[in-house]
Amino acid sequence: MVTEADIRRLALALPATTEKPSYGTPGFRVKDKLFARIREEGDLAVWVAHEADKQELIAAQPQTYSTTPHYDGYPIVLVHMVDIVVDELTEILTDAWQVRAPRRLAAEHPVTTKVQRQRP
C-alpha cells in the first residue's frame, strides 16, 4: 500500500516535475503536462505509452489496475493505492513521466527500466 505522501515524494523526485491541482486534487506535471493525478476516489490516474499498455496492466493485475468509461480511448490507467507497492509505483510514475516529458528532457533523463508486468 502506498500513501499520498509516497506518491508526492516519488513524483516530485522526477526532473522538472511540479505539483499543481487538477480537478481539485493533487496533479503532477512535467513542464506543465499532467502525467499523474490523485483522484477523489482514492486511486491514481497515470499516463501510459499506449492503450495496449493500459489493457495489458489491467489484464495482468486487475486488483491493482483498472479503468472507467471516462478513460476509454485514453492511455490512462487507474492505480489502486492500497494494492500497489512502492517499487512498482516508482516504475509506473517514471514511465508516465517519460511518456509525457518533452523529447529533449526525456532524452536527458532516459528511463532504464520498465514496469515488470506479471502474467496471469
N, C-alpha and C. Protein backbone atom coordinates (compact mmCIF):
# COMPACT_ATOMS: atom_id res chain seq x y z
N MET A 1 0.85 -1.19 0.00
CA MET A 1 0.00 0.00 0.00
C MET A 1 0.89 1.24 0.00
N VAL A 2 0.50 2.19 -0.82
CA VAL A 2 1.21 3.47 -0.84
C VAL A 2 0.27 4.57 -0.36
N THR A 3 0.87 5.66 0.05
CA THR A 3 0.11 6.80 0.55
C THR A 3 0.26 7.97 -0.41
N GLU A 4 -0.55 8.99 -0.18
CA GLU A 4 -0.44 10.21 -0.95
C GLU A 4 0.96 10.81 -0.78
N ALA A 5 1.51 10.71 0.42
CA ALA A 5 2.86 11.22 0.68
C ALA A 5 3.89 10.47 -0.16
N ASP A 6 3.73 9.15 -0.31
CA ASP A 6 4.64 8.36 -1.16
C ASP A 6 4.56 8.84 -2.60
N ILE A 7 3.36 9.01 -3.09
CA ILE A 7 3.15 9.46 -4.47
C ILE A 7 3.82 10.81 -4.68
N ARG A 8 3.56 11.72 -3.78
CA ARG A 8 4.13 13.07 -3.88
C ARG A 8 5.67 13.01 -3.88
N ARG A 9 6.24 12.25 -2.96
CA ARG A 9 7.70 12.15 -2.85
C ARG A 9 8.29 11.58 -4.14
N LEU A 10 7.71 10.51 -4.65
CA LEU A 10 8.23 9.86 -5.85
C LEU A 10 8.06 10.73 -7.09
N ALA A 11 6.90 11.32 -7.25
CA ALA A 11 6.65 12.15 -8.43
C ALA A 11 7.54 13.39 -8.44
N LEU A 12 7.64 14.06 -7.31
CA LEU A 12 8.42 15.30 -7.26
C LEU A 12 9.92 15.06 -7.35
N ALA A 13 10.36 13.81 -7.20
CA ALA A 13 11.78 13.48 -7.37
C ALA A 13 12.17 13.41 -8.84
N LEU A 14 11.19 13.35 -9.73
CA LEU A 14 11.47 13.28 -11.16
C LEU A 14 11.82 14.67 -11.69
N PRO A 15 12.72 14.77 -12.66
CA PRO A 15 13.17 16.07 -13.17
C PRO A 15 12.04 16.94 -13.69
N ALA A 16 12.14 18.24 -13.40
CA ALA A 16 11.22 19.26 -13.90
C ALA A 16 9.76 18.99 -13.55
N THR A 17 9.52 18.30 -12.45
CA THR A 17 8.15 17.98 -12.04
C THR A 17 7.65 18.99 -11.01
N THR A 18 6.42 19.38 -11.19
CA THR A 18 5.76 20.27 -10.23
C THR A 18 4.41 19.67 -9.85
N GLU A 19 3.91 20.13 -8.73
CA GLU A 19 2.58 19.72 -8.29
C GLU A 19 1.63 20.90 -8.48
N LYS A 20 0.52 20.62 -9.11
CA LYS A 20 -0.50 21.64 -9.36
C LYS A 20 -1.85 20.94 -9.32
N PRO A 21 -2.83 21.51 -8.64
CA PRO A 21 -4.13 20.85 -8.56
C PRO A 21 -4.72 20.58 -9.94
N SER A 22 -5.37 19.44 -10.03
CA SER A 22 -6.07 19.04 -11.24
C SER A 22 -7.44 18.52 -10.81
N TYR A 23 -8.48 19.20 -11.20
CA TYR A 23 -9.84 18.86 -10.78
C TYR A 23 -9.95 18.82 -9.26
N GLY A 24 -9.22 19.72 -8.60
CA GLY A 24 -9.30 19.84 -7.15
C GLY A 24 -8.48 18.85 -6.35
N THR A 25 -7.70 18.02 -7.03
CA THR A 25 -6.86 17.05 -6.34
C THR A 25 -5.41 17.23 -6.81
N PRO A 26 -4.44 16.67 -6.08
CA PRO A 26 -3.04 16.84 -6.48
C PRO A 26 -2.75 16.24 -7.85
N GLY A 27 -2.14 17.04 -8.70
CA GLY A 27 -1.71 16.59 -10.01
C GLY A 27 -0.22 16.82 -10.16
N PHE A 28 0.45 15.97 -10.90
CA PHE A 28 1.89 16.06 -11.07
C PHE A 28 2.19 16.25 -12.54
N ARG A 29 2.99 17.28 -12.82
CA ARG A 29 3.23 17.71 -14.19
C ARG A 29 4.72 17.79 -14.49
N VAL A 30 5.06 17.46 -15.71
CA VAL A 30 6.40 17.68 -16.21
C VAL A 30 6.28 18.75 -17.29
N LYS A 31 6.93 19.88 -17.06
CA LYS A 31 6.83 21.01 -17.99
C LYS A 31 5.37 21.32 -18.31
N ASP A 32 4.55 21.33 -17.30
CA ASP A 32 3.11 21.64 -17.33
C ASP A 32 2.26 20.64 -18.10
N LYS A 33 2.78 19.43 -18.32
CA LYS A 33 1.97 18.35 -18.91
C LYS A 33 1.68 17.33 -17.81
N LEU A 34 0.42 17.15 -17.52
CA LEU A 34 0.00 16.24 -16.47
C LEU A 34 0.40 14.81 -16.81
N PHE A 35 1.04 14.11 -15.84
CA PHE A 35 1.38 12.70 -16.04
C PHE A 35 0.77 11.80 -14.98
N ALA A 36 0.30 12.38 -13.88
CA ALA A 36 -0.36 11.58 -12.84
C ALA A 36 -1.23 12.51 -12.01
N ARG A 37 -2.34 11.94 -11.51
CA ARG A 37 -3.26 12.72 -10.69
C ARG A 37 -3.91 11.81 -9.66
N ILE A 38 -3.89 12.26 -8.42
CA ILE A 38 -4.60 11.55 -7.37
C ILE A 38 -6.07 11.92 -7.52
N ARG A 39 -6.91 10.91 -7.61
CA ARG A 39 -8.34 11.16 -7.79
C ARG A 39 -9.06 11.16 -6.45
N GLU A 40 -10.21 11.83 -6.42
CA GLU A 40 -11.02 11.89 -5.19
C GLU A 40 -11.45 10.50 -4.74
N GLU A 41 -11.52 9.57 -5.66
CA GLU A 41 -11.95 8.21 -5.36
C GLU A 41 -10.89 7.41 -4.60
N GLY A 42 -9.69 7.98 -4.43
CA GLY A 42 -8.65 7.31 -3.67
C GLY A 42 -7.71 6.47 -4.52
N ASP A 43 -7.74 6.67 -5.83
CA ASP A 43 -6.80 5.99 -6.69
C ASP A 43 -5.97 7.02 -7.44
N LEU A 44 -5.12 6.56 -8.31
CA LEU A 44 -4.20 7.42 -9.03
C LEU A 44 -4.39 7.21 -10.52
N ALA A 45 -4.62 8.27 -11.27
CA ALA A 45 -4.70 8.20 -12.73
C ALA A 45 -3.31 8.48 -13.27
N VAL A 46 -2.79 7.55 -14.10
CA VAL A 46 -1.42 7.65 -14.59
C VAL A 46 -1.40 7.40 -16.10
N TRP A 47 -0.62 8.22 -16.82
CA TRP A 47 -0.47 8.03 -18.26
C TRP A 47 0.42 6.82 -18.54
N VAL A 48 0.10 6.11 -19.59
CA VAL A 48 0.94 5.03 -20.11
C VAL A 48 1.22 5.36 -21.58
N ALA A 49 2.13 4.62 -22.19
CA ALA A 49 2.54 4.94 -23.55
C ALA A 49 1.41 4.71 -24.56
N HIS A 50 0.67 3.60 -24.40
CA HIS A 50 -0.35 3.24 -25.39
C HIS A 50 -1.55 2.60 -24.69
N GLU A 51 -2.66 2.65 -25.35
CA GLU A 51 -3.86 1.98 -24.84
C GLU A 51 -3.58 0.49 -24.59
N ALA A 52 -2.76 -0.12 -25.45
CA ALA A 52 -2.43 -1.54 -25.28
C ALA A 52 -1.68 -1.79 -23.97
N ASP A 53 -0.83 -0.85 -23.57
CA ASP A 53 -0.13 -0.99 -22.28
C ASP A 53 -1.12 -0.96 -21.12
N LYS A 54 -2.10 -0.08 -21.23
CA LYS A 54 -3.15 0.01 -20.21
C LYS A 54 -3.90 -1.32 -20.11
N GLN A 55 -4.29 -1.86 -21.24
CA GLN A 55 -5.04 -3.11 -21.23
C GLN A 55 -4.19 -4.27 -20.70
N GLU A 56 -2.91 -4.26 -21.01
CA GLU A 56 -2.01 -5.30 -20.52
C GLU A 56 -1.89 -5.25 -18.99
N LEU A 57 -1.74 -4.05 -18.45
CA LEU A 57 -1.66 -3.90 -16.99
C LEU A 57 -2.93 -4.39 -16.31
N ILE A 58 -4.07 -4.00 -16.86
CA ILE A 58 -5.36 -4.38 -16.27
C ILE A 58 -5.55 -5.90 -16.34
N ALA A 59 -5.20 -6.50 -17.47
CA ALA A 59 -5.35 -7.95 -17.62
C ALA A 59 -4.42 -8.71 -16.68
N ALA A 60 -3.21 -8.21 -16.52
CA ALA A 60 -2.22 -8.91 -15.69
C ALA A 60 -2.48 -8.76 -14.20
N GLN A 61 -2.97 -7.58 -13.78
CA GLN A 61 -3.14 -7.30 -12.36
C GLN A 61 -4.44 -6.50 -12.12
N PRO A 62 -5.59 -7.12 -12.33
CA PRO A 62 -6.85 -6.38 -12.19
C PRO A 62 -7.12 -5.87 -10.77
N GLN A 63 -6.48 -6.45 -9.78
CA GLN A 63 -6.66 -5.96 -8.42
C GLN A 63 -5.91 -4.64 -8.22
N THR A 64 -4.92 -4.36 -9.04
CA THR A 64 -4.09 -3.15 -8.91
C THR A 64 -4.45 -2.08 -9.91
N TYR A 65 -4.80 -2.49 -11.14
CA TYR A 65 -5.05 -1.55 -12.23
C TYR A 65 -6.47 -1.70 -12.75
N SER A 66 -7.06 -0.57 -13.14
CA SER A 66 -8.40 -0.61 -13.72
C SER A 66 -8.60 0.63 -14.58
N THR A 67 -9.82 0.77 -15.07
CA THR A 67 -10.20 1.95 -15.84
C THR A 67 -11.68 2.20 -15.60
N THR A 68 -12.17 3.28 -16.12
CA THR A 68 -13.60 3.59 -16.10
C THR A 68 -13.98 4.05 -17.50
N PRO A 69 -15.27 4.08 -17.82
CA PRO A 69 -15.68 4.55 -19.14
C PRO A 69 -15.14 5.95 -19.47
N HIS A 70 -14.95 6.78 -18.45
CA HIS A 70 -14.41 8.13 -18.66
C HIS A 70 -13.05 8.10 -19.35
N TYR A 71 -12.26 7.07 -19.07
CA TYR A 71 -10.90 6.96 -19.62
C TYR A 71 -10.82 6.07 -20.85
N ASP A 72 -11.95 5.57 -21.34
CA ASP A 72 -11.94 4.74 -22.55
C ASP A 72 -11.34 5.52 -23.71
N GLY A 73 -10.43 4.87 -24.42
CA GLY A 73 -9.79 5.51 -25.56
C GLY A 73 -8.59 6.37 -25.20
N TYR A 74 -8.28 6.51 -23.93
CA TYR A 74 -7.14 7.30 -23.50
C TYR A 74 -6.09 6.39 -22.86
N PRO A 75 -4.82 6.69 -23.06
CA PRO A 75 -3.77 5.87 -22.45
C PRO A 75 -3.54 6.26 -20.99
N ILE A 76 -4.58 6.12 -20.21
CA ILE A 76 -4.53 6.43 -18.78
C ILE A 76 -5.09 5.24 -18.02
N VAL A 77 -4.34 4.78 -17.03
CA VAL A 77 -4.75 3.65 -16.22
C VAL A 77 -4.94 4.14 -14.78
N LEU A 78 -5.89 3.53 -14.09
CA LEU A 78 -6.11 3.85 -12.69
C LEU A 78 -5.34 2.85 -11.84
N VAL A 79 -4.63 3.36 -10.86
CA VAL A 79 -3.81 2.55 -9.97
C VAL A 79 -4.45 2.59 -8.58
N HIS A 80 -4.77 1.42 -8.04
CA HIS A 80 -5.36 1.35 -6.71
C HIS A 80 -4.23 1.43 -5.68
N MET A 81 -4.22 2.50 -4.92
CA MET A 81 -3.13 2.77 -4.00
C MET A 81 -2.98 1.70 -2.92
N VAL A 82 -4.06 1.04 -2.55
CA VAL A 82 -3.97 0.02 -1.50
C VAL A 82 -3.39 -1.29 -2.03
N ASP A 83 -3.30 -1.44 -3.35
CA ASP A 83 -2.86 -2.70 -3.94
C ASP A 83 -1.54 -2.61 -4.70
N ILE A 84 -0.79 -1.54 -4.50
CA ILE A 84 0.50 -1.40 -5.20
C ILE A 84 1.59 -1.15 -4.17
N VAL A 85 2.78 -1.63 -4.48
CA VAL A 85 3.93 -1.41 -3.60
C VAL A 85 4.77 -0.26 -4.14
N VAL A 86 5.59 0.31 -3.30
CA VAL A 86 6.37 1.49 -3.66
C VAL A 86 7.26 1.25 -4.88
N ASP A 87 7.91 0.11 -4.96
CA ASP A 87 8.80 -0.15 -6.10
C ASP A 87 8.05 -0.12 -7.43
N GLU A 88 6.89 -0.75 -7.47
CA GLU A 88 6.11 -0.76 -8.71
C GLU A 88 5.56 0.63 -9.02
N LEU A 89 5.13 1.35 -7.99
CA LEU A 89 4.65 2.71 -8.19
C LEU A 89 5.76 3.60 -8.74
N THR A 90 6.97 3.42 -8.25
CA THR A 90 8.11 4.19 -8.75
C THR A 90 8.27 3.99 -10.25
N GLU A 91 8.18 2.75 -10.70
CA GLU A 91 8.31 2.46 -12.12
C GLU A 91 7.16 3.01 -12.93
N ILE A 92 5.96 2.88 -12.42
CA ILE A 92 4.77 3.41 -13.13
C ILE A 92 4.87 4.93 -13.28
N LEU A 93 5.25 5.62 -12.21
CA LEU A 93 5.37 7.08 -12.28
C LEU A 93 6.51 7.50 -13.20
N THR A 94 7.62 6.78 -13.15
CA THR A 94 8.75 7.09 -14.02
C THR A 94 8.38 6.89 -15.48
N ASP A 95 7.69 5.80 -15.77
CA ASP A 95 7.22 5.56 -17.14
C ASP A 95 6.27 6.66 -17.59
N ALA A 96 5.35 7.06 -16.73
CA ALA A 96 4.39 8.12 -17.06
C ALA A 96 5.12 9.43 -17.33
N TRP A 97 6.10 9.72 -16.49
CA TRP A 97 6.90 10.94 -16.68
C TRP A 97 7.57 10.90 -18.05
N GLN A 98 8.16 9.76 -18.39
CA GLN A 98 8.86 9.61 -19.67
C GLN A 98 7.91 9.80 -20.85
N VAL A 99 6.70 9.30 -20.73
CA VAL A 99 5.70 9.41 -21.79
C VAL A 99 5.31 10.87 -22.02
N ARG A 100 5.18 11.63 -20.96
CA ARG A 100 4.66 13.00 -21.06
C ARG A 100 5.73 14.09 -21.15
N ALA A 101 6.96 13.78 -20.82
CA ALA A 101 8.03 14.78 -20.84
C ALA A 101 8.35 15.20 -22.27
N PRO A 102 8.75 16.45 -22.45
CA PRO A 102 9.22 16.86 -23.78
C PRO A 102 10.39 15.98 -24.21
N ARG A 103 10.51 15.73 -25.50
CA ARG A 103 11.53 14.81 -26.02
C ARG A 103 12.93 15.12 -25.52
N ARG A 104 13.29 16.39 -25.56
CA ARG A 104 14.65 16.77 -25.15
C ARG A 104 14.90 16.45 -23.68
N LEU A 105 13.95 16.78 -22.83
CA LEU A 105 14.09 16.50 -21.40
C LEU A 105 14.12 15.00 -21.15
N ALA A 106 13.26 14.26 -21.82
CA ALA A 106 13.23 12.80 -21.67
C ALA A 106 14.56 12.18 -22.13
N ALA A 107 15.14 12.72 -23.19
CA ALA A 107 16.42 12.21 -23.68
C ALA A 107 17.55 12.49 -22.68
N GLU A 108 17.45 13.60 -21.98
CA GLU A 108 18.46 13.95 -20.97
C GLU A 108 18.35 13.07 -19.73
N HIS A 109 17.17 12.47 -19.51
CA HIS A 109 16.91 11.64 -18.33
C HIS A 109 16.24 10.35 -18.78
N PRO A 110 16.97 9.49 -19.49
CA PRO A 110 16.35 8.26 -20.01
C PRO A 110 15.92 7.31 -18.90
N VAL A 111 14.85 6.61 -19.16
CA VAL A 111 14.35 5.59 -18.25
C VAL A 111 15.06 4.30 -18.61
N THR A 112 15.60 3.63 -17.61
CA THR A 112 16.35 2.41 -17.90
C THR A 112 15.57 1.15 -17.58
N THR A 113 14.46 1.27 -16.86
CA THR A 113 13.67 0.10 -16.55
C THR A 113 12.21 0.38 -16.84
N LYS A 114 11.49 -0.66 -17.10
CA LYS A 114 10.05 -0.59 -17.29
C LYS A 114 9.39 -1.42 -16.22
N VAL A 115 8.13 -1.18 -15.99
CA VAL A 115 7.39 -1.96 -15.00
C VAL A 115 7.43 -3.42 -15.41
N GLN A 116 7.73 -4.26 -14.48
CA GLN A 116 7.71 -5.70 -14.72
C GLN A 116 6.26 -6.16 -14.58
N ARG A 117 5.65 -6.44 -15.70
CA ARG A 117 4.25 -6.83 -15.71
C ARG A 117 4.12 -8.31 -15.43
N GLN A 118 3.32 -8.63 -14.46
CA GLN A 118 3.10 -10.03 -14.11
C GLN A 118 2.08 -10.63 -15.07
N ARG A 119 2.34 -11.83 -15.47
CA ARG A 119 1.40 -12.54 -16.34
C ARG A 119 0.47 -13.36 -15.47
N PRO A 120 -0.82 -13.42 -15.85
CA PRO A 120 -1.76 -14.22 -15.05
C PRO A 120 -1.43 -15.69 -15.11
